[in-house]
Amino acid sequence: GTRDGRSGGVTGPAKGFTQKIDVNPPRGTRDFAPEDMRLRNWLFGHFTEVSKLFGFEQIDAPVLESEELFVRKAGEEITDQLYNFEDKGGRRMSLRPEITPSLARLVLQKGKGLPLPAKWWVIGQCW
């Protein structure tokens, strides 16, 4: 309890709320508790070290990309499968469903200044 004798936990719904909150993560996702993170960090660390041994460099890209980037790769029908929205500037944006188009965009952005072959690796979140 607390110093004044009240319970420190949540005892009921907040005023105006009567439904219970679903405490499960959204379908298709998961939580990573400390023991999960220890294993995950060990695996990612091992992957990082092996990649470095073979001359690969880590990169990452934004989780938000222009919707057109994915439409160009997969066609208009892909838009129904994306988590997409219109930003405040009126641009169609998407959470990346895969990393390949983002990497292709990065190669095009770097252009002739990019030493080839590009030996990159990434562990990217996708939706």
N, C-alpha and C. Protein backbone atom coordinates (compact mmCIF):
# COMPACT_ATOMS: atom_id res chain seq x y z
N GLY A 1 0.82 -1.19 0.00
CA GLY A 1 0.00 0.00 0.00
C GLY A 1 0.86 1.24 0.00
N THR A 2 0.22 2.37 0.07
CA THR A 2 0.91 3.66 0.11
C THR A 2 0.98 4.14 1.54
N ARG A 3 1.65 5.26 1.78
CA ARG A 3 1.80 5.78 3.14
C ARG A 3 0.46 6.10 3.80
N ASP A 4 -0.52 6.50 3.01
CA ASP A 4 -1.82 6.85 3.60
C ASP A 4 -2.75 5.65 3.69
N GLY A 5 -2.23 4.44 3.42
CA GLY A 5 -3.02 3.24 3.57
C GLY A 5 -3.80 2.82 2.34
N ARG A 6 -3.79 3.64 1.29
CA ARG A 6 -4.51 3.27 0.07
C ARG A 6 -3.70 2.24 -0.72
N SER A 7 -4.38 1.49 -1.52
CA SER A 7 -3.72 0.51 -2.38
C SER A 7 -2.91 1.23 -3.45
N GLY A 8 -1.74 0.73 -3.79
CA GLY A 8 -0.91 1.33 -4.83
C GLY A 8 -1.26 0.84 -6.22
N GLY A 9 -2.11 -0.16 -6.33
CA GLY A 9 -2.46 -0.72 -7.63
C GLY A 9 -3.73 -0.11 -8.20
N VAL A 10 -4.02 -0.47 -9.44
CA VAL A 10 -5.24 -0.02 -10.09
C VAL A 10 -6.36 -0.94 -9.61
N THR A 11 -7.41 -0.34 -9.01
CA THR A 11 -8.47 -1.16 -8.43
C THR A 11 -9.72 -1.22 -9.28
N GLY A 12 -9.87 -0.35 -10.24
CA GLY A 12 -11.07 -0.35 -11.05
C GLY A 12 -10.90 0.58 -12.23
N PRO A 13 -11.91 0.63 -13.08
CA PRO A 13 -11.80 1.50 -14.26
C PRO A 13 -11.81 2.97 -13.86
N ALA A 14 -11.13 3.78 -14.66
CA ALA A 14 -11.12 5.22 -14.44
C ALA A 14 -12.52 5.76 -14.64
N LYS A 15 -12.79 6.86 -14.01
CA LYS A 15 -14.11 7.48 -14.12
C LYS A 15 -14.49 7.66 -15.59
N GLY A 16 -15.67 7.18 -15.96
CA GLY A 16 -16.14 7.30 -17.33
C GLY A 16 -15.78 6.12 -18.22
N PHE A 17 -14.93 5.22 -17.73
CA PHE A 17 -14.53 4.05 -18.52
C PHE A 17 -15.05 2.79 -17.82
N THR A 18 -15.75 1.97 -18.57
CA THR A 18 -16.30 0.75 -17.97
C THR A 18 -15.75 -0.52 -18.58
N GLN A 19 -15.10 -0.42 -19.74
CA GLN A 19 -14.57 -1.62 -20.39
C GLN A 19 -13.15 -1.90 -19.93
N LYS A 20 -12.83 -3.18 -19.84
CA LYS A 20 -11.47 -3.58 -19.51
C LYS A 20 -10.56 -3.34 -20.71
N ILE A 21 -9.31 -3.07 -20.44
CA ILE A 21 -8.31 -2.88 -21.49
C ILE A 21 -7.69 -4.22 -21.83
N ASP A 22 -7.60 -4.53 -23.11
CA ASP A 22 -6.93 -5.74 -23.56
C ASP A 22 -5.43 -5.52 -23.39
N VAL A 23 -4.81 -6.29 -22.53
CA VAL A 23 -3.40 -6.11 -22.24
C VAL A 23 -2.49 -6.95 -23.13
N ASN A 24 -3.08 -7.71 -24.06
CA ASN A 24 -2.28 -8.50 -25.00
C ASN A 24 -1.74 -7.60 -26.11
N PRO A 25 -0.53 -7.89 -26.61
CA PRO A 25 -0.02 -7.10 -27.74
C PRO A 25 -0.88 -7.37 -28.98
N PRO A 26 -0.88 -6.45 -29.93
CA PRO A 26 -1.67 -6.66 -31.15
C PRO A 26 -1.28 -7.96 -31.85
N ARG A 27 -2.25 -8.57 -32.53
CA ARG A 27 -2.02 -9.81 -33.26
C ARG A 27 -0.85 -9.65 -34.23
N GLY A 28 0.03 -10.63 -34.25
CA GLY A 28 1.19 -10.58 -35.13
C GLY A 28 2.39 -9.88 -34.52
N THR A 29 2.24 -9.40 -33.29
CA THR A 29 3.36 -8.75 -32.60
C THR A 29 3.64 -9.49 -31.31
N ARG A 30 4.70 -9.12 -30.65
CA ARG A 30 5.02 -9.74 -29.36
C ARG A 30 5.82 -8.79 -28.51
N ASP A 31 5.80 -9.05 -27.23
CA ASP A 31 6.63 -8.31 -26.29
C ASP A 31 7.97 -9.02 -26.16
N PHE A 32 8.99 -8.27 -25.80
CA PHE A 32 10.29 -8.85 -25.53
C PHE A 32 10.64 -8.54 -24.07
N ALA A 33 10.39 -9.51 -23.21
CA ALA A 33 10.72 -9.39 -21.79
C ALA A 33 12.24 -9.45 -21.64
N PRO A 34 12.75 -9.14 -20.44
CA PRO A 34 14.22 -9.14 -20.27
C PRO A 34 14.91 -10.41 -20.75
N GLU A 35 14.35 -11.58 -20.44
CA GLU A 35 15.02 -12.82 -20.87
C GLU A 35 15.00 -12.95 -22.39
N ASP A 36 13.94 -12.47 -23.04
CA ASP A 36 13.87 -12.48 -24.50
C ASP A 36 14.90 -11.51 -25.09
N MET A 37 15.03 -10.35 -24.48
CA MET A 37 15.98 -9.35 -24.97
C MET A 37 17.42 -9.82 -24.82
N ARG A 38 17.71 -10.55 -23.74
CA ARG A 38 19.07 -11.08 -23.58
C ARG A 38 19.43 -11.98 -24.75
N LEU A 39 18.53 -12.89 -25.10
CA LEU A 39 18.78 -13.80 -26.23
C LEU A 39 18.84 -13.01 -27.53
N ARG A 40 17.90 -12.12 -27.73
CA ARG A 40 17.86 -11.32 -28.96
C ARG A 40 19.14 -10.49 -29.12
N ASN A 41 19.55 -9.83 -28.05
CA ASN A 41 20.77 -9.03 -28.12
C ASN A 41 22.00 -9.89 -28.38
N TRP A 42 22.04 -11.09 -27.77
CA TRP A 42 23.16 -11.99 -28.03
C TRP A 42 23.18 -12.39 -29.51
N LEU A 43 22.02 -12.78 -30.05
CA LEU A 43 21.95 -13.17 -31.47
C LEU A 43 22.34 -12.01 -32.39
N PHE A 44 21.79 -10.83 -32.13
CA PHE A 44 22.11 -9.67 -32.97
C PHE A 44 23.59 -9.31 -32.85
N GLY A 45 24.14 -9.42 -31.64
CA GLY A 45 25.56 -9.14 -31.44
C GLY A 45 26.44 -10.11 -32.21
N HIS A 46 26.08 -11.39 -32.17
CA HIS A 46 26.83 -12.41 -32.90
C HIS A 46 26.73 -12.15 -34.41
N PHE A 47 25.54 -11.85 -34.87
CA PHE A 47 25.33 -11.53 -36.28
C PHE A 47 26.17 -10.33 -36.70
N THR A 48 26.22 -9.31 -35.84
CA THR A 48 27.01 -8.11 -36.11
C THR A 48 28.49 -8.44 -36.25
N GLU A 49 29.01 -9.22 -35.32
CA GLU A 49 30.43 -9.56 -35.33
C GLU A 49 30.81 -10.38 -36.56
N VAL A 50 30.00 -11.36 -36.91
CA VAL A 50 30.28 -12.18 -38.10
C VAL A 50 30.20 -11.32 -39.36
N SER A 51 29.23 -10.44 -39.42
CA SER A 51 29.10 -9.55 -40.58
C SER A 51 30.33 -8.68 -40.74
N LYS A 52 30.83 -8.14 -39.63
CA LYS A 52 32.04 -7.31 -39.68
C LYS A 52 33.25 -8.11 -40.16
N LEU A 53 33.35 -9.36 -39.71
CA LEU A 53 34.47 -10.21 -40.13
C LEU A 53 34.53 -10.36 -41.65
N PHE A 54 33.38 -10.34 -42.29
CA PHE A 54 33.31 -10.51 -43.74
C PHE A 54 33.18 -9.18 -44.48
N GLY A 55 33.42 -8.07 -43.78
CA GLY A 55 33.45 -6.77 -44.43
C GLY A 55 32.11 -6.10 -44.68
N PHE A 56 31.06 -6.57 -44.03
CA PHE A 56 29.75 -5.94 -44.20
C PHE A 56 29.58 -4.81 -43.20
N GLU A 57 28.83 -3.79 -43.60
CA GLU A 57 28.56 -2.65 -42.74
C GLU A 57 27.06 -2.54 -42.49
N GLN A 58 26.73 -2.15 -41.27
CA GLN A 58 25.32 -2.04 -40.90
C GLN A 58 24.73 -0.73 -41.40
N ILE A 59 23.50 -0.81 -41.88
CA ILE A 59 22.75 0.37 -42.28
C ILE A 59 21.34 0.24 -41.72
N ASP A 60 20.58 1.30 -41.84
CA ASP A 60 19.15 1.28 -41.52
C ASP A 60 18.48 2.33 -42.37
N ALA A 61 17.19 2.28 -42.45
CA ALA A 61 16.41 3.22 -43.24
C ALA A 61 15.17 3.59 -42.43
N PRO A 62 14.50 4.66 -42.80
CA PRO A 62 13.30 5.07 -42.05
C PRO A 62 12.21 3.99 -42.10
N VAL A 63 11.45 3.88 -41.03
CA VAL A 63 10.33 2.94 -41.04
C VAL A 63 9.17 3.51 -41.85
N LEU A 64 9.16 4.81 -42.07
CA LEU A 64 8.17 5.46 -42.92
C LEU A 64 8.79 5.76 -44.27
N GLU A 65 8.10 5.39 -45.32
CA GLU A 65 8.56 5.66 -46.68
C GLU A 65 7.38 6.17 -47.50
N SER A 66 7.68 6.77 -48.62
CA SER A 66 6.65 7.17 -49.56
C SER A 66 5.91 5.93 -50.03
N GLU A 67 4.59 5.98 -50.04
CA GLU A 67 3.79 4.85 -50.51
C GLU A 67 4.19 4.45 -51.93
N GLU A 68 4.57 5.43 -52.73
CA GLU A 68 4.93 5.17 -54.13
C GLU A 68 6.11 4.21 -54.25
N LEU A 69 7.01 4.23 -53.29
CA LEU A 69 8.16 3.34 -53.32
C LEU A 69 7.71 1.87 -53.38
N PHE A 70 6.68 1.54 -52.64
CA PHE A 70 6.19 0.16 -52.61
C PHE A 70 5.25 -0.13 -53.78
N VAL A 71 4.50 0.88 -54.23
CA VAL A 71 3.61 0.72 -55.38
C VAL A 71 4.43 0.45 -56.63
N ARG A 72 5.56 1.15 -56.78
CA ARG A 72 6.42 0.93 -57.95
C ARG A 72 6.94 -0.49 -58.00
N LYS A 73 7.23 -1.06 -56.85
CA LYS A 73 7.77 -2.42 -56.81
C LYS A 73 6.67 -3.47 -57.01
N ALA A 74 5.53 -3.28 -56.36
CA ALA A 74 4.53 -4.35 -56.31
C ALA A 74 3.22 -4.03 -57.02
N GLY A 75 3.02 -2.81 -57.48
CA GLY A 75 1.78 -2.45 -58.16
C GLY A 75 0.77 -1.83 -57.21
N GLU A 76 -0.25 -1.20 -57.79
CA GLU A 76 -1.28 -0.48 -57.02
C GLU A 76 -1.98 -1.36 -55.99
N GLU A 77 -2.15 -2.64 -56.31
CA GLU A 77 -2.91 -3.51 -55.40
C GLU A 77 -2.25 -3.65 -54.03
N ILE A 78 -0.98 -3.31 -53.93
CA ILE A 78 -0.27 -3.41 -52.66
C ILE A 78 -0.81 -2.42 -51.62
N THR A 79 -1.40 -1.32 -52.07
CA THR A 79 -1.83 -0.28 -51.12
C THR A 79 -2.85 -0.80 -50.11
N ASP A 80 -3.66 -1.78 -50.49
CA ASP A 80 -4.62 -2.35 -49.55
C ASP A 80 -3.95 -3.19 -48.47
N GLN A 81 -2.70 -3.56 -48.69
CA GLN A 81 -1.98 -4.41 -47.74
C GLN A 81 -1.02 -3.61 -46.87
N LEU A 82 -0.88 -2.32 -47.13
CA LEU A 82 0.06 -1.48 -46.39
C LEU A 82 -0.62 -0.77 -45.23
N TYR A 83 0.16 -0.44 -44.23
CA TYR A 83 -0.27 0.51 -43.21
C TYR A 83 0.12 1.87 -43.76
N ASN A 84 -0.85 2.58 -44.31
CA ASN A 84 -0.53 3.84 -44.97
C ASN A 84 -1.44 4.96 -44.48
N PHE A 85 -1.02 6.19 -44.74
CA PHE A 85 -1.77 7.36 -44.32
C PHE A 85 -1.30 8.55 -45.13
N GLU A 86 -2.05 9.61 -45.04
CA GLU A 86 -1.66 10.86 -45.67
C GLU A 86 -1.10 11.77 -44.59
N ASP A 87 0.11 12.29 -44.81
CA ASP A 87 0.71 13.16 -43.80
C ASP A 87 0.13 14.57 -43.90
N LYS A 88 0.56 15.46 -43.01
CA LYS A 88 0.03 16.82 -42.97
C LYS A 88 0.31 17.60 -44.24
N GLY A 89 1.32 17.18 -44.99
CA GLY A 89 1.66 17.84 -46.25
C GLY A 89 0.93 17.24 -47.45
N GLY A 90 0.07 16.25 -47.20
CA GLY A 90 -0.69 15.63 -48.28
C GLY A 90 0.03 14.49 -48.98
N ARG A 91 1.19 14.09 -48.48
CA ARG A 91 1.94 12.98 -49.09
C ARG A 91 1.41 11.65 -48.57
N ARG A 92 1.35 10.64 -49.44
CA ARG A 92 0.95 9.29 -49.05
C ARG A 92 2.18 8.57 -48.49
N MET A 93 2.11 8.16 -47.23
CA MET A 93 3.21 7.51 -46.54
C MET A 93 2.80 6.12 -46.11
N SER A 94 3.79 5.23 -45.95
CA SER A 94 3.53 3.85 -45.53
C SER A 94 4.58 3.41 -44.53
N LEU A 95 4.16 2.57 -43.59
CA LEU A 95 5.13 1.84 -42.77
C LEU A 95 5.69 0.76 -43.69
N ARG A 96 7.00 0.60 -43.69
CA ARG A 96 7.59 -0.33 -44.65
C ARG A 96 7.17 -1.77 -44.35
N PRO A 97 6.67 -2.47 -45.38
CA PRO A 97 6.31 -3.88 -45.20
C PRO A 97 7.51 -4.80 -45.41
N GLU A 98 8.55 -4.27 -46.03
CA GLU A 98 9.79 -5.01 -46.26
C GLU A 98 10.90 -3.97 -46.43
N ILE A 99 12.14 -4.40 -46.41
CA ILE A 99 13.27 -3.47 -46.41
C ILE A 99 13.87 -3.26 -47.79
N THR A 100 13.67 -4.18 -48.73
CA THR A 100 14.34 -4.10 -50.03
C THR A 100 14.12 -2.78 -50.78
N PRO A 101 12.88 -2.28 -50.92
CA PRO A 101 12.71 -1.00 -51.62
C PRO A 101 13.44 0.16 -50.93
N SER A 102 13.51 0.14 -49.62
CA SER A 102 14.23 1.19 -48.90
C SER A 102 15.72 1.13 -49.21
N LEU A 103 16.26 -0.09 -49.31
CA LEU A 103 17.68 -0.24 -49.64
C LEU A 103 17.94 0.22 -51.07
N ALA A 104 17.04 -0.11 -51.99
CA ALA A 104 17.18 0.34 -53.38
C ALA A 104 17.14 1.87 -53.45
N ARG A 105 16.25 2.48 -52.68
CA ARG A 105 16.17 3.94 -52.63
C ARG A 105 17.48 4.53 -52.12
N LEU A 106 18.05 3.91 -51.10
CA LEU A 106 19.31 4.39 -50.53
C LEU A 106 20.45 4.28 -51.54
N VAL A 107 20.50 3.20 -52.30
CA VAL A 107 21.51 3.04 -53.35
C VAL A 107 21.36 4.15 -54.39
N LEU A 108 20.13 4.40 -54.83
CA LEU A 108 19.89 5.47 -55.81
C LEU A 108 20.26 6.83 -55.24
N GLN A 109 19.96 7.05 -53.97
CA GLN A 109 20.27 8.33 -53.33
C GLN A 109 21.78 8.55 -53.27
N LYS A 110 22.54 7.52 -52.93
CA LYS A 110 24.00 7.64 -52.82
C LYS A 110 24.66 7.77 -54.19
N GLY A 111 24.05 7.16 -55.19
CA GLY A 111 24.52 7.29 -56.57
C GLY A 111 25.94 6.84 -56.77
N LYS A 112 26.68 7.61 -57.56
CA LYS A 112 28.04 7.24 -57.95
C LYS A 112 29.03 7.30 -56.80
N GLY A 113 28.65 7.95 -55.71
CA GLY A 113 29.54 8.04 -54.55
C GLY A 113 29.58 6.76 -53.73
N LEU A 114 28.78 5.79 -54.10
CA LEU A 114 28.70 4.54 -53.35
C LEU A 114 29.72 3.54 -53.87
N PRO A 115 30.65 3.11 -53.01
CA PRO A 115 31.60 2.08 -53.46
C PRO A 115 30.87 0.75 -53.65
N LEU A 116 31.17 0.11 -54.77
CA LEU A 116 30.52 -1.16 -55.08
C LEU A 116 31.53 -2.29 -55.03
N PRO A 117 31.17 -3.49 -54.67
CA PRO A 117 29.81 -3.84 -54.28
C PRO A 117 29.48 -3.32 -52.89
N ALA A 118 28.24 -2.94 -52.69
CA ALA A 118 27.78 -2.49 -51.37
C ALA A 118 27.60 -3.74 -50.51
N LYS A 119 28.35 -3.81 -49.44
CA LYS A 119 28.25 -4.96 -48.53
C LYS A 119 27.56 -4.48 -47.26
N TRP A 120 26.25 -4.51 -47.29
CA TRP A 120 25.43 -3.99 -46.20
C TRP A 120 24.64 -5.10 -45.54
N TRP A 121 24.33 -4.88 -44.29
CA TRP A 121 23.38 -5.74 -43.60
C TRP A 121 22.48 -4.85 -42.75
N VAL A 122 21.27 -5.37 -42.52
CA VAL A 122 20.29 -4.60 -41.76
C VAL A 122 19.36 -5.55 -41.02
N ILE A 123 18.98 -5.15 -39.84
CA ILE A 123 17.91 -5.82 -39.11
C ILE A 123 16.84 -4.75 -38.94
N GLY A 124 15.92 -4.71 -39.88
CA GLY A 124 14.93 -3.64 -39.90
C GLY A 124 13.55 -4.11 -39.48
N GLN A 125 12.85 -3.23 -38.79
CA GLN A 125 11.47 -3.53 -38.43
C GLN A 125 10.57 -3.26 -39.63
N CYS A 126 9.67 -4.17 -39.87
CA CYS A 126 8.73 -4.05 -40.99
C CYS A 126 7.33 -4.38 -40.49
N TRP A 127 6.36 -3.79 -41.18
CA TRP A 127 4.96 -3.99 -40.79
C TRP A 127 4.15 -4.52 -41.92
